[in-house]
N, C-alpha and C. Protein backbone atom coordinates (compact mmCIF):
# COMPACT_ATOMS: atom_id res chain seq x y z
N MET A 1 48.78 -23.34 51.30
CA MET A 1 48.63 -22.33 52.32
C MET A 1 49.88 -22.30 53.20
N SER A 2 50.36 -21.14 53.51
CA SER A 2 51.58 -20.97 54.29
C SER A 2 51.29 -21.08 55.78
N ASN A 3 52.28 -21.59 56.53
CA ASN A 3 52.16 -21.66 57.98
C ASN A 3 52.56 -20.35 58.64
N GLU A 4 53.04 -19.39 57.85
CA GLU A 4 53.48 -18.12 58.40
C GLU A 4 52.27 -17.26 58.76
N SER A 5 52.30 -16.71 59.96
CA SER A 5 51.25 -15.78 60.33
C SER A 5 51.65 -14.40 59.82
N PRO A 6 50.70 -13.48 59.69
CA PRO A 6 51.04 -12.14 59.21
C PRO A 6 52.12 -11.47 60.06
N SER A 7 52.19 -11.79 61.36
CA SER A 7 53.19 -11.16 62.21
C SER A 7 54.59 -11.69 61.93
N ASN A 8 54.72 -12.83 61.25
CA ASN A 8 56.04 -13.39 60.93
C ASN A 8 56.53 -12.99 59.55
N ARG A 9 55.75 -12.22 58.83
CA ARG A 9 56.15 -11.82 57.48
C ARG A 9 57.28 -10.82 57.55
N GLU A 10 58.18 -10.91 56.57
CA GLU A 10 59.29 -9.97 56.46
C GLU A 10 59.26 -9.33 55.09
N PHE A 11 59.63 -8.06 55.04
CA PHE A 11 59.65 -7.32 53.80
C PHE A 11 61.05 -6.79 53.55
N TYR A 12 61.42 -6.73 52.29
CA TYR A 12 62.75 -6.27 51.89
C TYR A 12 62.60 -5.21 50.80
N PHE A 13 63.56 -4.29 50.75
CA PHE A 13 63.61 -3.30 49.69
C PHE A 13 64.68 -3.74 48.71
N ASN A 14 64.31 -3.87 47.45
CA ASN A 14 65.25 -4.25 46.40
C ASN A 14 65.84 -2.98 45.82
N THR A 15 67.14 -2.76 46.05
CA THR A 15 67.79 -1.53 45.60
C THR A 15 67.96 -1.49 44.09
N SER A 16 67.91 -2.63 43.44
CA SER A 16 68.06 -2.67 41.99
C SER A 16 66.77 -2.26 41.28
N THR A 17 65.65 -2.76 41.78
CA THR A 17 64.37 -2.49 41.12
C THR A 17 63.58 -1.35 41.78
N GLY A 18 63.92 -1.05 43.05
CA GLY A 18 63.16 -0.04 43.78
C GLY A 18 61.84 -0.56 44.30
N GLU A 19 61.67 -1.87 44.28
CA GLU A 19 60.41 -2.48 44.71
C GLU A 19 60.55 -3.14 46.07
N VAL A 20 59.43 -3.26 46.78
CA VAL A 20 59.37 -3.98 48.04
C VAL A 20 59.01 -5.43 47.72
N GLU A 21 59.71 -6.35 48.37
CA GLU A 21 59.46 -7.77 48.17
C GLU A 21 59.06 -8.40 49.50
N GLU A 22 58.14 -9.33 49.43
CA GLU A 22 57.76 -10.07 50.63
C GLU A 22 58.62 -11.32 50.69
N GLY A 23 59.45 -11.40 51.72
CA GLY A 23 60.38 -12.50 51.85
C GLY A 23 61.64 -12.20 51.04
N PRO A 24 62.72 -12.96 51.33
CA PRO A 24 63.99 -12.72 50.64
C PRO A 24 63.99 -13.30 49.23
N MET A 25 63.42 -12.57 48.29
CA MET A 25 63.29 -13.05 46.92
C MET A 25 64.52 -12.80 46.06
N SER A 26 65.19 -11.69 46.28
CA SER A 26 66.32 -11.32 45.42
C SER A 26 67.64 -11.56 46.15
N SER A 27 68.72 -11.39 45.43
CA SER A 27 70.05 -11.58 45.98
C SER A 27 70.31 -10.61 47.13
N TRP A 28 71.08 -11.06 48.10
CA TRP A 28 71.42 -10.20 49.24
C TRP A 28 72.14 -8.93 48.79
N GLU A 29 72.79 -8.97 47.63
CA GLU A 29 73.51 -7.81 47.13
C GLU A 29 72.59 -6.64 46.79
N ASN A 30 71.33 -6.95 46.53
CA ASN A 30 70.36 -5.92 46.13
C ASN A 30 69.22 -5.78 47.12
N ARG A 31 69.45 -6.21 48.37
CA ARG A 31 68.34 -6.31 49.31
C ARG A 31 68.65 -5.58 50.61
N MET A 32 67.71 -4.79 51.07
CA MET A 32 67.79 -4.14 52.38
C MET A 32 66.66 -4.69 53.23
N GLY A 33 66.98 -5.05 54.46
CA GLY A 33 65.96 -5.57 55.34
C GLY A 33 66.49 -6.71 56.16
N PRO A 34 65.65 -7.36 56.88
CA PRO A 34 64.20 -7.36 56.77
C PRO A 34 63.55 -6.23 57.57
N TYR A 35 62.35 -5.89 57.15
CA TYR A 35 61.50 -4.92 57.83
C TYR A 35 60.21 -5.62 58.21
N SER A 36 59.58 -5.12 59.26
CA SER A 36 58.35 -5.74 59.76
C SER A 36 57.13 -5.44 58.91
N THR A 37 57.17 -4.28 58.22
CA THR A 37 56.01 -3.89 57.42
C THR A 37 56.46 -3.46 56.02
N ARG A 38 55.52 -3.51 55.12
CA ARG A 38 55.78 -3.04 53.75
C ARG A 38 56.16 -1.56 53.76
N GLU A 39 55.51 -0.79 54.62
CA GLU A 39 55.77 0.66 54.69
C GLU A 39 57.19 0.94 55.15
N GLU A 40 57.68 0.19 56.15
CA GLU A 40 59.06 0.36 56.60
C GLU A 40 60.03 0.05 55.46
N ALA A 41 59.75 -1.00 54.72
CA ALA A 41 60.62 -1.37 53.60
C ALA A 41 60.61 -0.30 52.52
N GLN A 42 59.46 0.32 52.28
CA GLN A 42 59.38 1.39 51.28
C GLN A 42 60.22 2.59 51.67
N ARG A 43 60.43 2.78 52.97
CA ARG A 43 61.23 3.90 53.46
C ARG A 43 62.69 3.52 53.72
N ALA A 44 63.14 2.38 53.23
CA ALA A 44 64.48 1.87 53.54
C ALA A 44 65.59 2.85 53.19
N LEU A 45 65.55 3.44 52.01
CA LEU A 45 66.60 4.38 51.61
C LEU A 45 66.58 5.64 52.46
N GLU A 46 65.40 6.13 52.77
CA GLU A 46 65.26 7.32 53.63
C GLU A 46 65.81 7.03 55.02
N THR A 47 65.47 5.86 55.55
CA THR A 47 65.96 5.46 56.87
C THR A 47 67.47 5.34 56.87
N ALA A 48 68.03 4.73 55.84
CA ALA A 48 69.49 4.57 55.75
C ALA A 48 70.18 5.93 55.65
N LYS A 49 69.60 6.85 54.90
CA LYS A 49 70.18 8.19 54.76
C LYS A 49 70.20 8.91 56.11
N LYS A 50 69.10 8.84 56.84
CA LYS A 50 69.02 9.49 58.15
C LYS A 50 70.03 8.90 59.12
N ARG A 51 70.18 7.58 59.10
CA ARG A 51 71.14 6.94 60.00
C ARG A 51 72.57 7.33 59.64
N THR A 52 72.86 7.38 58.36
CA THR A 52 74.20 7.77 57.92
C THR A 52 74.51 9.20 58.34
N GLU A 53 73.54 10.09 58.17
CA GLU A 53 73.74 11.49 58.59
C GLU A 53 73.98 11.58 60.09
N ALA A 54 73.24 10.80 60.87
CA ALA A 54 73.42 10.81 62.33
C ALA A 54 74.80 10.28 62.70
N TRP A 55 75.25 9.22 62.03
CA TRP A 55 76.59 8.68 62.30
C TRP A 55 77.66 9.69 61.90
N ASP A 56 77.48 10.37 60.78
CA ASP A 56 78.44 11.39 60.35
C ASP A 56 78.50 12.53 61.37
N ASP A 57 77.34 12.96 61.88
CA ASP A 57 77.31 14.00 62.90
C ASP A 57 78.03 13.54 64.16
N ALA A 58 77.80 12.29 64.57
CA ALA A 58 78.45 11.75 65.77
C ALA A 58 79.96 11.68 65.57
N ASP A 59 80.41 11.30 64.38
CA ASP A 59 81.84 11.26 64.08
C ASP A 59 82.46 12.65 64.17
N ARG A 60 81.78 13.65 63.60
CA ARG A 60 82.29 15.02 63.66
C ARG A 60 82.37 15.51 65.11
N GLU A 61 81.35 15.19 65.89
CA GLU A 61 81.35 15.61 67.30
C GLU A 61 82.49 14.92 68.04
N TRP A 62 82.69 13.63 67.79
CA TRP A 62 83.75 12.87 68.45
C TRP A 62 85.13 13.45 68.12
N ARG A 63 85.29 13.90 66.87
CA ARG A 63 86.56 14.51 66.44
C ARG A 63 86.70 15.95 66.91
N GLY A 64 85.64 16.51 67.49
CA GLY A 64 85.68 17.88 67.99
C GLY A 64 85.50 18.93 66.93
N GLU A 65 84.86 18.57 65.84
CA GLU A 65 84.63 19.53 64.75
C GLU A 65 83.38 20.34 64.99
């Protein structure tokens, strides 16, 4: 039995397999996270895309485009 409480669990998105993993099971090269919930990890690519778009918009605004 694990000493980890459910609130201490971490979830990762494996970019190679497209699967959510509980705990750091795969190599860091194929892992996004940690996330607090399985659902957040499942949305990892969507979240990353939205953040990238926001950063790109901020860069364009900063450059005065």
